[in-house]
């Protein structure tokens, strides 16, 4: 999953959503925006949406050391 090239904007959007969720402040609008970004990236890259979503969550929630 780590070989997916994610746009920086999508990573930042997921990071914002994850931080909001941790604070108990995730809104349906932000969650929908993330899902729309994931779907668009999956379609553009020819990958399965679930693969894209899991890869994105992995790099945001479990970053490699030094990133």
PDB file of N, CA and C in Angstrom:
ATOM      1  N   UNK A   1       0.804  -1.199   0.000  1.00  0.00           N
ATOM      2  CA  UNK A   1       0.000   0.000   0.000  1.00  0.00           C
ATOM      3  C   UNK A   1       0.845   1.261   0.000  1.00  0.00           C
ATOM      4  N   UNK A   2       2.025   1.178   0.521  1.00  0.00           N
ATOM      5  CA  UNK A   2       2.850   2.362   0.641  1.00  0.00           C
ATOM      6  C   UNK A   2       3.378   2.855  -0.701  1.00  0.00           C
ATOM      7  N   UNK A   3       3.176   2.068  -1.772  1.00  0.00           N
ATOM      8  CA  UNK A   3       3.669   2.491  -3.076  1.00  0.00           C
ATOM      9  C   UNK A   3       2.668   3.354  -3.837  1.00  0.00           C
ATOM     10  N   UNK A   4       1.532   3.667  -3.226  1.00  0.00           N
ATOM     11  CA  UNK A   4       0.556   4.559  -3.844  1.00  0.00           C
ATOM     12  C   UNK A   4       1.057   5.989  -3.691  1.00  0.00           C
ATOM     13  N   UNK A   5       1.028   6.742  -4.777  1.00  0.00           N
ATOM     14  CA  UNK A   5       1.463   8.130  -4.746  1.00  0.00           C
ATOM     15  C   UNK A   5       0.247   9.017  -4.466  1.00  0.00           C
ATOM     16  N   UNK A   6       0.103   9.441  -3.217  1.00  0.00           N
ATOM     17  CA  UNK A   6      -1.039  10.261  -2.816  1.00  0.00           C
ATOM     18  C   UNK A   6      -0.737  11.738  -3.013  1.00  0.00           C
ATOM     19  N   UNK A   7      -1.706  12.506  -3.513  1.00  0.00           N
ATOM     20  CA  UNK A   7      -1.525  13.957  -3.575  1.00  0.00           C
ATOM     21  C   UNK A   7      -1.412  14.519  -2.151  1.00  0.00           C
ATOM     22  N   UNK A   8      -0.558  15.492  -1.976  1.00  0.00           N
ATOM     23  CA  UNK A   8      -0.351  16.090  -0.656  1.00  0.00           C
ATOM     24  C   UNK A   8      -1.658  16.625  -0.070  1.00  0.00           C
ATOM     25  N   UNK A   9      -2.530  17.156  -0.935  1.00  0.00           N
ATOM     26  CA  UNK A   9      -3.808  17.706  -0.452  1.00  0.00           C
ATOM     27  C   UNK A   9      -4.677  16.616   0.168  1.00  0.00           C
ATOM     28  N   UNK A  10      -4.667  15.425  -0.424  1.00  0.00           N
ATOM     29  CA  UNK A  10      -5.467  14.327   0.106  1.00  0.00           C
ATOM     30  C   UNK A  10      -4.907  13.840   1.432  1.00  0.00           C
ATOM     31  N   UNK A  11      -3.601  13.785   1.540  1.00  0.00           N
ATOM     32  CA  UNK A  11      -2.967  13.377   2.802  1.00  0.00           C
ATOM     33  C   UNK A  11      -3.312  14.383   3.896  1.00  0.00           C
ATOM     34  N   UNK A  12      -3.217  15.654   3.587  1.00  0.00           N
ATOM     35  CA  UNK A  12      -3.536  16.689   4.586  1.00  0.00           C
ATOM     36  C   UNK A  12      -5.010  16.654   4.973  1.00  0.00           C
ATOM     37  N   UNK A  13      -5.872  16.385   4.010  1.00  0.00           N
ATOM     38  CA  UNK A  13      -7.305  16.286   4.293  1.00  0.00           C
ATOM     39  C   UNK A  13      -7.577  15.115   5.230  1.00  0.00           C
ATOM     40  N   UNK A  14      -6.978  13.969   4.956  1.00  0.00           N
ATOM     41  CA  UNK A  14      -7.143  12.802   5.833  1.00  0.00           C
ATOM     42  C   UNK A  14      -6.552  13.085   7.211  1.00  0.00           C
ATOM     43  N   UNK A  15      -5.415  13.762   7.250  1.00  0.00           N
ATOM     44  CA  UNK A  15      -4.794  14.100   8.535  1.00  0.00           C
ATOM     45  C   UNK A  15      -5.723  15.013   9.355  1.00  0.00           C
ATOM     46  N   UNK A  16      -6.327  15.981   8.696  1.00  0.00           N
ATOM     47  CA  UNK A  16      -7.264  16.876   9.387  1.00  0.00           C
ATOM     48  C   UNK A  16      -8.468  16.111   9.921  1.00  0.00           C
ATOM     49  N   UNK A  17      -8.976  15.197   9.116  1.00  0.00           N
ATOM     50  CA  UNK A  17     -10.129  14.399   9.541  1.00  0.00           C
ATOM     51  C   UNK A  17      -9.759  13.493  10.711  1.00  0.00           C
ATOM     52  N   UNK A  18      -8.592  12.878  10.657  1.00  0.00           N
ATOM     53  CA  UNK A  18      -8.144  11.998  11.737  1.00  0.00           C
ATOM     54  C   UNK A  18      -7.981  12.790  13.031  1.00  0.00           C
ATOM     55  N   UNK A  19      -7.368  13.967  12.949  1.00  0.00           N
ATOM     56  CA  UNK A  19      -7.193  14.800  14.142  1.00  0.00           C
ATOM     57  C   UNK A  19      -8.539  15.248  14.695  1.00  0.00           C
ATOM     58  N   UNK A  20      -9.466  15.610  13.819  1.00  0.00           N
ATOM     59  CA  UNK A  20     -10.806  16.011  14.258  1.00  0.00           C
ATOM     60  C   UNK A  20     -11.511  14.837  14.933  1.00  0.00           C
ATOM     61  N   UNK A  21     -11.377  13.647  14.392  1.00  0.00           N
ATOM     62  CA  UNK A  21     -11.997  12.463  14.990  1.00  0.00           C
ATOM     63  C   UNK A  21     -11.425  12.190  16.375  1.00  0.00           C
ATOM     64  N   UNK A  22     -10.122  12.371  16.525  1.00  0.00           N
ATOM     65  CA  UNK A  22      -9.490  12.155  17.823  1.00  0.00           C
ATOM     66  C   UNK A  22     -10.004  13.132  18.878  1.00  0.00           C
ATOM     67  N   UNK A  23     -10.382  14.315  18.435  1.00  0.00           N
ATOM     68  CA  UNK A  23     -10.935  15.327  19.355  1.00  0.00           C
ATOM     69  C   UNK A  23     -12.441  15.182  19.516  1.00  0.00           C
ATOM     70  N   UNK A  24     -13.059  14.272  18.771  1.00  0.00           N
ATOM     71  CA  UNK A  24     -14.505  14.111  18.805  1.00  0.00           C
ATOM     72  C   UNK A  24     -15.225  15.195  18.024  1.00  0.00           C
ATOM     73  N   UNK A  25     -14.547  15.783  17.026  1.00  0.00           N
ATOM     74  CA  UNK A  25     -15.100  16.913  16.289  1.00  0.00           C
ATOM     75  C   UNK A  25     -15.228  16.661  14.784  1.00  0.00           C
ATOM     76  N   UNK A  26     -15.150  15.407  14.364  1.00  0.00           N
ATOM     77  CA  UNK A  26     -15.267  15.103  12.939  1.00  0.00           C
ATOM     78  C   UNK A  26     -16.694  15.375  12.478  1.00  0.00           C
ATOM     79  N   UNK A  27     -16.823  16.177  11.443  1.00  0.00           N
ATOM     80  CA  UNK A  27     -18.146  16.504  10.912  1.00  0.00           C
ATOM     81  C   UNK A  27     -18.470  15.597   9.723  1.00  0.00           C
ATOM     82  N   UNK A  28     -19.750  15.402   9.457  1.00  0.00           N
ATOM     83  CA  UNK A  28     -20.138  14.621   8.283  1.00  0.00           C
ATOM     84  C   UNK A  28     -19.610  15.256   6.991  1.00  0.00           C
ATOM     85  N   UNK A  29     -19.531  16.562   6.960  1.00  0.00           N
ATOM     86  CA  UNK A  29     -19.040  17.256   5.774  1.00  0.00           C
ATOM     87  C   UNK A  29     -17.564  16.945   5.516  1.00  0.00           C
ATOM     88  N   UNK A  30     -16.751  16.964   6.561  1.00  0.00           N
ATOM     89  CA  UNK A  30     -15.337  16.664   6.405  1.00  0.00           C
ATOM     90  C   UNK A  30     -15.145  15.199   6.025  1.00  0.00           C
ATOM     91  N   UNK A  31     -15.889  14.309   6.659  1.00  0.00           N
ATOM     92  CA  UNK A  31     -15.799  12.888   6.323  1.00  0.00           C
ATOM     93  C   UNK A  31     -16.189  12.656   4.866  1.00  0.00           C
ATOM     94  N   UNK A  32     -17.229  13.330   4.406  1.00  0.00           N
ATOM     95  CA  UNK A  32     -17.663  13.195   3.012  1.00  0.00           C
ATOM     96  C   UNK A  32     -16.618  13.751   2.054  1.00  0.00           C
ATOM     97  N   UNK A  33     -15.959  14.827   2.440  1.00  0.00           N
ATOM     98  CA  UNK A  33     -14.919  15.415   1.603  1.00  0.00           C
ATOM     99  C   UNK A  33     -13.742  14.447   1.451  1.00  0.00           C
ATOM    100  N   UNK A  34     -13.370  13.795   2.545  1.00  0.00           N
ATOM    101  CA  UNK A  34     -12.292  12.806   2.484  1.00  0.00           C
ATOM    102  C   UNK A  34     -12.693  11.649   1.581  1.00  0.00           C
ATOM    103  N   UNK A  35     -13.902  11.139   1.756  1.00  0.00           N
ATOM    104  CA  UNK A  35     -14.349  10.018   0.934  1.00  0.00           C
ATOM    105  C   UNK A  35     -14.405  10.389  -0.551  1.00  0.00           C
ATOM    106  N   UNK A  36     -14.829  11.597  -0.838  1.00  0.00           N
ATOM    107  CA  UNK A  36     -14.860  12.047  -2.234  1.00  0.00           C
ATOM    108  C   UNK A  36     -13.449  12.105  -2.807  1.00  0.00           C
ATOM    109  N   UNK A  37     -12.493  12.569  -2.012  1.00  0.00           N
ATOM    110  CA  UNK A  37     -11.106  12.621  -2.452  1.00  0.00           C
ATOM    111  C   UNK A  37     -10.531  11.236  -2.687  1.00  0.00           C
ATOM    112  N   UNK A  38     -10.868  10.319  -1.803  1.00  0.00           N
ATOM    113  CA  UNK A  38     -10.404   8.933  -1.947  1.00  0.00           C
ATOM    114  C   UNK A  38     -10.977   8.316  -3.216  1.00  0.00           C
ATOM    115  N   UNK A  39     -12.272   8.504  -3.427  1.00  0.00           N
ATOM    116  CA  UNK A  39     -12.930   7.954  -4.609  1.00  0.00           C
ATOM    117  C   UNK A  39     -12.337   8.539  -5.885  1.00  0.00           C
ATOM    118  N   UNK A  40     -12.132   9.845  -5.909  1.00  0.00           N
ATOM    119  CA  UNK A  40     -11.558  10.495  -7.090  1.00  0.00           C
ATOM    120  C   UNK A  40     -10.146   9.981  -7.370  1.00  0.00           C
ATOM    121  N   UNK A  41      -9.340   9.836  -6.317  1.00  0.00           N
ATOM    122  CA  UNK A  41      -7.973   9.348  -6.507  1.00  0.00           C
ATOM    123  C   UNK A  41      -7.981   7.900  -6.988  1.00  0.00           C
ATOM    124  N   UNK A  42      -8.872   7.092  -6.446  1.00  0.00           N
ATOM    125  CA  UNK A  42      -8.968   5.695  -6.871  1.00  0.00           C
ATOM    126  C   UNK A  42      -9.342   5.607  -8.348  1.00  0.00           C
ATOM    127  N   UNK A  43     -10.320   6.398  -8.756  1.00  0.00           N
ATOM    128  CA  UNK A  43     -10.740   6.386 -10.158  1.00  0.00           C
ATOM    129  C   UNK A  43      -9.625   6.871 -11.076  1.00  0.00           C
ATOM    130  N   UNK A  44      -8.940   7.924 -10.679  1.00  0.00           N
ATOM    131  CA  UNK A  44      -7.876   8.502 -11.506  1.00  0.00           C
ATOM    132  C   UNK A  44      -6.675   7.565 -11.626  1.00  0.00           C
ATOM    133  N   UNK A  45      -6.414   6.795 -10.574  1.00  0.00           N
ATOM    134  CA  UNK A  45      -5.241   5.931 -10.577  1.00  0.00           C
ATOM    135  C   UNK A  45      -5.554   4.502 -11.001  1.00  0.00           C
ATOM    136  N   UNK A  46      -6.838   4.192 -11.171  1.00  0.00           N
ATOM    137  CA  UNK A  46      -7.222   2.846 -11.571  1.00  0.00           C
ATOM    138  C   UNK A  46      -7.116   1.818 -10.458  1.00  0.00           C
ATOM    139  N   UNK A  47      -7.149   2.283  -9.222  1.00  0.00           N
ATOM    140  CA  UNK A  47      -7.051   1.394  -8.073  1.00  0.00           C
ATOM    141  C   UNK A  47      -8.403   1.229  -7.411  1.00  0.00           C
ATOM    142  N   UNK A  48      -8.546   0.175  -6.651  1.00  0.00           N
ATOM    143  CA  UNK A  48      -9.745  -0.065  -5.863  1.00  0.00           C
ATOM    144  C   UNK A  48      -9.844   0.997  -4.769  1.00  0.00           C
ATOM    145  N   UNK A  49     -11.036   1.533  -4.539  1.00  0.00           N
ATOM    146  CA  UNK A  49     -11.230   2.581  -3.538  1.00  0.00           C
ATOM    147  C   UNK A  49     -10.820   2.126  -2.144  1.00  0.00           C
ATOM    148  N   UNK A  50     -11.102   0.897  -1.810  1.00  0.00           N
ATOM    149  CA  UNK A  50     -10.751   0.397  -0.477  1.00  0.00           C
ATOM    150  C   UNK A  50      -9.235   0.312  -0.291  1.00  0.00           C
ATOM    151  N   UNK A  51      -8.525  -0.059  -1.340  1.00  0.00           N
ATOM    152  CA  UNK A  51      -7.063  -0.109  -1.285  1.00  0.00           C
ATOM    153  C   UNK A  51      -6.494   1.288  -1.073  1.00  0.00           C
ATOM    154  N   UNK A  52      -7.060   2.256  -1.783  1.00  0.00           N
ATOM    155  CA  UNK A  52      -6.623   3.642  -1.632  1.00  0.00           C
ATOM    156  C   UNK A  52      -6.910   4.134  -0.213  1.00  0.00           C
ATOM    157  N   UNK A  53      -8.103   3.866   0.276  1.00  0.00           N
ATOM    158  CA  UNK A  53      -8.466   4.320   1.618  1.00  0.00           C
ATOM    159  C   UNK A  53      -7.562   3.711   2.684  1.00  0.00           C
ATOM    160  N   UNK A  54      -7.307   2.419   2.599  1.00  0.00           N
ATOM    161  CA  UNK A  54      -6.457   1.775   3.601  1.00  0.00           C
ATOM    162  C   UNK A  54      -5.019   2.293   3.521  1.00  0.00           C
ATOM    163  N   UNK A  55      -4.515   2.512   2.312  1.00  0.00           N
ATOM    164  CA  UNK A  55      -3.171   3.056   2.165  1.00  0.00           C
ATOM    165  C   UNK A  55      -3.060   4.457   2.736  1.00  0.00           C
ATOM    166  N   UNK A  56      -4.077   5.264   2.495  1.00  0.00           N
ATOM    167  CA  UNK A  56      -4.080   6.630   3.010  1.00  0.00           C
ATOM    168  C   UNK A  56      -4.141   6.641   4.532  1.00  0.00           C
ATOM    169  N   UNK A  57      -5.018   5.828   5.090  1.00  0.00           N
ATOM    170  CA  UNK A  57      -5.116   5.756   6.551  1.00  0.00           C
ATOM    171  C   UNK A  57      -3.797   5.283   7.163  1.00  0.00           C
ATOM    172  N   UNK A  58      -3.147   4.341   6.494  1.00  0.00           N
ATOM    173  CA  UNK A  58      -1.882   3.820   7.019  1.00  0.00           C
ATOM    174  C   UNK A  58      -0.822   4.913   7.092  1.00  0.00           C
ATOM    175  N   UNK A  59      -0.669   5.701   6.026  1.00  0.00           N
ATOM    176  CA  UNK A  59       0.393   6.704   6.066  1.00  0.00           C
ATOM    177  C   UNK A  59       0.076   7.849   7.018  1.00  0.00           C
ATOM    178  N   UNK A  60      -1.212   8.103   7.262  1.00  0.00           N
ATOM    179  CA  UNK A  60      -1.579   9.173   8.204  1.00  0.00           C
ATOM    180  C   UNK A  60      -1.499   8.681   9.640  1.00  0.00           C
ATOM    181  N   UNK A  61      -2.019   7.497   9.884  1.00  0.00           N
ATOM    182  CA  UNK A  61      -2.109   6.999  11.255  1.00  0.00           C
ATOM    183  C   UNK A  61      -0.857   6.270  11.732  1.00  0.00           C
ATOM    184  N   UNK A  62      -0.084   5.735  10.806  1.00  0.00           N
ATOM    185  CA  UNK A  62       1.119   4.980  11.156  1.00  0.00           C
ATOM    186  C   UNK A  62       2.259   5.378  10.229  1.00  0.00           C
ATOM    187  N   UNK A  63       2.695   6.639  10.315  1.00  0.00           N
ATOM    188  CA  UNK A  63       3.734   7.102   9.394  1.00  0.00           C
ATOM    189  C   UNK A  63       5.062   6.396   9.610  1.00  0.00           C
ATOM    190  N   UNK A  64       5.798   6.290   8.518  1.00  0.00           N
ATOM    191  CA  UNK A  64       7.151   5.735   8.588  1.00  0.00           C
ATOM    192  C   UNK A  64       8.020   6.689   9.410  1.00  0.00           C
ATOM    193  N   UNK A  65       8.974   6.183  10.153  1.00  0.00           N
ATOM    194  CA  UNK A  65       9.877   7.071  10.904  1.00  0.00           C
ATOM    195  C   UNK A  65      10.549   8.075   9.967  1.00  0.00           C
ATOM    196  N   UNK A  66      10.588   9.309  10.389  1.00  0.00           N
ATOM    197  CA  UNK A  66      11.230  10.354   9.608  1.00  0.00           C
ATOM    198  C   UNK A  66      10.314  11.024   8.610  1.00  0.00           C
ATOM    199  N   UNK A  67       8.992  10.688   8.634  1.00  0.00           N
ATOM    200  CA  UNK A  67       8.061  11.358   7.709  1.00  0.00           C
ATOM    201  C   UNK A  67       7.117  12.252   8.448  1.00  0.00           C
TER     202      UNK A  67
END
